[in-house]
Amino acid sequence: METIALFPLSSVLMPGARLPLQIFEPRYLDLVSDCMKQDKGFGVILLRAGSELLSKDSERSDARLAALGTYARIVDWDRLPDGKLGITIEGEKKFRLLSSSVEANLLHRGEVEWLAPEPRIALPENTVELKGLLRQLTEHPHVARLKISPDIDDAGVLGCVLTQLLPINEAVKFQLLEMDDPILRLEQIMDLLDDMGQ
């Protein structure tokens, strides 16, 4: 069990995948600064309902956080033209949220339990098209900025990176995050692509 800073988002972060964020609130600027100075990360967790902010007449947040999240590290950062801080984070490992609280500076903290990493599994033959799809996605200018390698031979990593990049509903992404079977996740992705008419 460990206590970590939490960053509630309306997006899911998958292990091994990257996500760009724009940082402008003081509490998160402080968090990013602290993480970079101390070479540590924070937990990204799906905000299921409510707001992560405290209401004016309440000392409690009405945020409903998901039970599962991903520990992230900052892998790149830049000052944006509008003065905001742009960072790129990469998911490392999954955690289960046991309890959470909000500090005086409105930063969420959570007591977490780390989940075992998924086994490394070679890509099955029927997933060759998924590698081609990833290669296509990484050529898109917005994705290219994330510096993702298109040559991924691990079923777990490929499934997580595709989950992150594809235009899938966040609730579905969360279901894919909950899975601990890399092959089953890839099969689900192929079913989703069929549904999209790919």
Protein backbone atom coordinates (compact mmCIF):
# COMPACT_ATOMS: atom_id res chain seq x y z
CA MET A 1 0.00 0.00 0.00
CA GLU A 2 1.24 3.48 -0.86
CA THR A 3 -0.12 7.03 -0.91
CA ILE A 4 0.29 8.91 -4.18
CA ALA A 5 -0.91 12.16 -5.75
CA LEU A 6 -3.89 11.68 -8.06
CA PHE A 7 -4.77 13.48 -11.27
CA PRO A 8 -8.48 12.84 -12.00
CA LEU A 9 -9.21 13.05 -15.73
CA SER A 10 -12.15 12.43 -18.01
CA SER A 11 -9.71 10.24 -19.99
CA VAL A 12 -8.21 6.83 -19.30
CA LEU A 13 -4.44 6.33 -19.39
CA MET A 14 -3.19 2.87 -20.35
CA PRO A 15 0.12 1.36 -19.17
CA GLY A 16 2.81 1.78 -21.83
CA ALA A 17 0.79 4.46 -23.62
CA ARG A 18 1.32 8.22 -23.78
CA LEU A 19 -1.07 11.11 -23.27
CA PRO A 20 -0.55 14.88 -23.77
CA LEU A 21 -1.88 17.21 -21.04
CA GLN A 22 -2.16 20.97 -20.72
CA ILE A 23 -1.37 22.15 -17.19
CA PHE A 24 -2.47 25.56 -15.92
CA GLU A 25 -4.03 25.14 -12.45
CA PRO A 26 -1.62 26.03 -9.61
CA ARG A 27 -2.11 22.70 -7.79
CA TYR A 28 -1.14 20.73 -10.89
CA LEU A 29 1.72 23.07 -11.79
CA ASP A 30 3.06 22.41 -8.26
CA LEU A 31 2.51 18.67 -8.73
CA VAL A 32 4.37 18.62 -12.05
CA SER A 33 7.24 20.68 -10.59
CA ASP A 34 7.47 18.34 -7.60
CA CYS A 35 7.43 15.24 -9.82
CA MET A 36 10.17 16.59 -12.07
CA LYS A 37 12.39 17.64 -9.17
CA GLN A 38 12.00 14.34 -7.33
CA ASP A 39 11.81 12.06 -10.39
CA LYS A 40 8.48 10.58 -9.42
CA GLY A 41 5.06 10.25 -10.95
CA PHE A 42 1.39 10.47 -10.07
CA GLY A 43 -1.76 8.44 -10.49
CA VAL A 44 -4.09 9.14 -13.41
CA ILE A 45 -7.61 8.06 -12.57
CA LEU A 46 -10.88 8.31 -14.44
CA LEU A 47 -13.34 10.86 -13.08
CA ARG A 48 -16.59 8.89 -13.35
CA ALA A 49 -18.93 11.65 -12.16
CA GLY A 50 -19.04 14.91 -10.24
CA SER A 51 -16.26 17.45 -10.17
CA GLU A 52 -12.77 17.19 -8.81
CA LEU A 53 -13.17 20.73 -7.45
CA LEU A 54 -14.72 21.51 -4.07
CA SER A 55 -18.04 23.30 -4.24
CA LYS A 56 -18.26 26.70 -2.55
CA ASP A 57 -20.53 25.47 0.24
CA SER A 58 -18.82 22.15 0.87
CA GLU A 59 -15.51 20.98 2.25
CA ARG A 60 -15.86 17.69 0.41
CA SER A 61 -15.34 16.92 -3.25
CA ASP A 62 -18.23 15.22 -5.02
CA ALA A 63 -15.79 13.55 -7.41
CA ARG A 64 -16.53 9.89 -8.09
CA LEU A 65 -13.22 8.32 -8.97
CA ALA A 66 -12.82 4.99 -10.71
CA ALA A 67 -11.54 2.06 -8.67
CA LEU A 68 -8.60 1.50 -11.02
CA GLY A 69 -5.96 3.87 -12.36
CA THR A 70 -2.51 4.05 -13.94
CA TYR A 71 0.68 5.45 -12.44
CA ALA A 72 2.22 7.94 -14.87
CA ARG A 73 5.58 9.62 -15.35
CA ILE A 74 6.35 12.80 -17.25
CA VAL A 75 8.42 11.98 -20.35
CA ASP A 76 8.35 15.38 -22.10
CA TRP A 77 7.28 18.96 -21.45
CA ASP A 78 7.09 22.29 -23.23
CA ARG A 79 5.79 25.83 -22.74
CA LEU A 80 2.78 26.36 -24.98
CA PRO A 81 2.13 29.64 -26.87
CA ASP A 82 -0.82 30.45 -24.59
CA GLY A 83 1.42 30.27 -21.51
CA LYS A 84 0.17 26.87 -20.35
CA LEU A 85 2.54 24.02 -19.63
CA GLY A 86 2.28 21.12 -22.03
CA ILE A 87 3.44 17.74 -20.74
CA THR A 88 3.44 14.22 -22.15
CA ILE A 89 2.91 11.44 -19.65
CA GLU A 90 3.47 7.72 -20.04
CA GLY A 91 1.57 5.06 -18.13
CA GLU A 92 3.71 2.67 -16.12
CA LYS A 93 1.62 0.35 -13.96
CA LYS A 94 -1.93 -0.15 -12.80
CA PHE A 95 -3.19 0.42 -9.27
CA ARG A 96 -6.37 -0.17 -7.33
CA LEU A 97 -7.65 2.86 -5.41
CA LEU A 98 -8.42 1.94 -1.81
CA SER A 99 -9.31 5.42 -0.50
CA SER A 100 -8.84 9.06 -1.47
CA SER A 101 -8.81 12.49 0.13
CA VAL A 102 -8.50 16.13 -0.94
CA GLU A 103 -5.74 18.29 0.54
CA ALA A 104 -5.95 21.98 1.42
CA ASN A 105 -4.45 22.91 -1.98
CA LEU A 106 -7.27 20.86 -3.61
CA LEU A 107 -4.89 18.12 -4.77
CA HIS A 108 -6.33 14.63 -4.56
CA ARG A 109 -4.30 11.90 -2.87
CA GLY A 110 -5.04 8.23 -2.86
CA GLU A 111 -4.05 5.15 -0.95
CA VAL A 112 -3.32 2.58 -3.62
CA GLU A 113 -2.47 -1.07 -4.08
CA TRP A 114 -0.21 -1.90 -7.01
CA LEU A 115 -1.43 -4.56 -9.43
CA ALA A 116 0.84 -7.21 -10.89
CA PRO A 117 2.20 -6.38 -14.35
CA GLU A 118 0.72 -8.24 -17.28
CA PRO A 119 2.79 -11.09 -18.71
CA ARG A 120 4.85 -10.37 -21.82
CA ILE A 121 3.25 -12.26 -24.70
CA ALA A 122 4.34 -12.35 -28.34
CA LEU A 123 1.81 -11.08 -30.85
CA PRO A 124 -0.48 -13.78 -32.26
CA GLU A 125 -0.40 -14.17 -36.05
CA ASN A 126 -3.96 -12.89 -36.44
CA THR A 127 -2.97 -9.46 -35.03
CA VAL A 128 -0.52 -8.48 -37.78
CA GLU A 129 -3.06 -5.95 -39.10
CA LEU A 130 -3.02 -4.21 -35.71
CA LYS A 131 0.69 -3.45 -36.09
CA GLY A 132 -0.07 -1.92 -39.48
CA LEU A 133 -2.83 0.16 -37.92
CA LEU A 134 -0.46 1.40 -35.23
CA ARG A 135 2.07 2.37 -37.90
CA GLN A 136 -0.61 4.40 -39.67
CA LEU A 137 -1.67 6.09 -36.44
CA THR A 138 1.90 7.07 -35.50
CA GLU A 139 2.26 8.89 -38.83
CA HIS A 140 -0.52 11.32 -37.87
CA PRO A 141 1.03 14.68 -36.80
CA HIS A 142 -0.77 14.77 -33.43
CA VAL A 143 0.35 11.22 -32.60
CA ALA A 144 3.86 11.69 -34.02
CA ARG A 145 4.51 14.34 -31.35
CA LEU A 146 4.07 11.65 -28.69
CA LYS A 147 7.12 9.78 -30.09
CA ILE A 148 5.54 6.32 -29.90
CA SER A 149 7.46 3.46 -31.48
CA PRO A 150 5.38 1.74 -34.18
CA ASP A 151 7.39 -1.48 -33.76
CA ILE A 152 5.72 -3.15 -30.80
CA ASP A 153 5.93 -6.93 -30.53
CA ASP A 154 4.37 -7.37 -27.09
CA ALA A 155 0.62 -8.11 -27.05
CA GLY A 156 0.03 -6.18 -23.83
CA VAL A 157 1.84 -3.02 -24.92
CA LEU A 158 0.30 -3.04 -28.41
CA GLY A 159 -3.20 -3.46 -26.97
CA CYS A 160 -2.70 -0.65 -24.47
CA VAL A 161 -1.21 1.79 -26.99
CA LEU A 162 -3.99 1.12 -29.51
CA THR A 163 -6.62 1.51 -26.79
CA GLN A 164 -5.14 4.92 -25.98
CA LEU A 165 -5.01 6.13 -29.57
CA LEU A 166 -8.26 4.82 -31.06
CA PRO A 167 -11.43 6.95 -30.94
CA ILE A 168 -13.11 4.72 -28.37
CA ASN A 169 -15.54 5.84 -25.67
CA GLU A 170 -13.72 6.33 -22.34
CA ALA A 171 -16.03 3.85 -20.59
CA VAL A 172 -14.97 1.20 -23.11
CA LYS A 173 -11.32 2.18 -22.65
CA PHE A 174 -11.78 1.68 -18.92
CA GLN A 175 -13.14 -1.83 -19.54
CA LEU A 176 -10.03 -2.56 -21.59
CA LEU A 177 -7.88 -1.16 -18.77
CA GLU A 178 -9.59 -3.53 -16.32
CA MET A 179 -8.59 -6.57 -18.38
CA ASP A 180 -5.46 -8.42 -17.33
CA ASP A 181 -5.34 -10.75 -20.35
CA PRO A 182 -3.41 -9.07 -23.23
CA ILE A 183 -4.75 -11.47 -25.88
CA LEU A 184 -8.35 -10.95 -24.81
CA ARG A 185 -7.80 -7.17 -24.98
CA LEU A 186 -6.47 -7.45 -28.55
CA GLU A 187 -9.49 -9.56 -29.53
CA GLN A 188 -11.80 -6.93 -28.05
CA ILE A 189 -9.99 -4.21 -30.02
CA MET A 190 -10.41 -6.20 -33.25
CA ASP A 191 -14.13 -6.55 -32.49
CA LEU A 192 -14.36 -2.80 -31.89
CA LEU A 193 -12.61 -2.11 -35.19
CA ASP A 194 -15.07 -4.40 -36.95
CA ASP A 195 -17.91 -2.44 -35.37
CA MET A 196 -16.33 0.81 -36.62
CA GLY A 197 -16.36 -0.63 -40.13
CA GLN A 198 -12.61 -0.91 -40.46
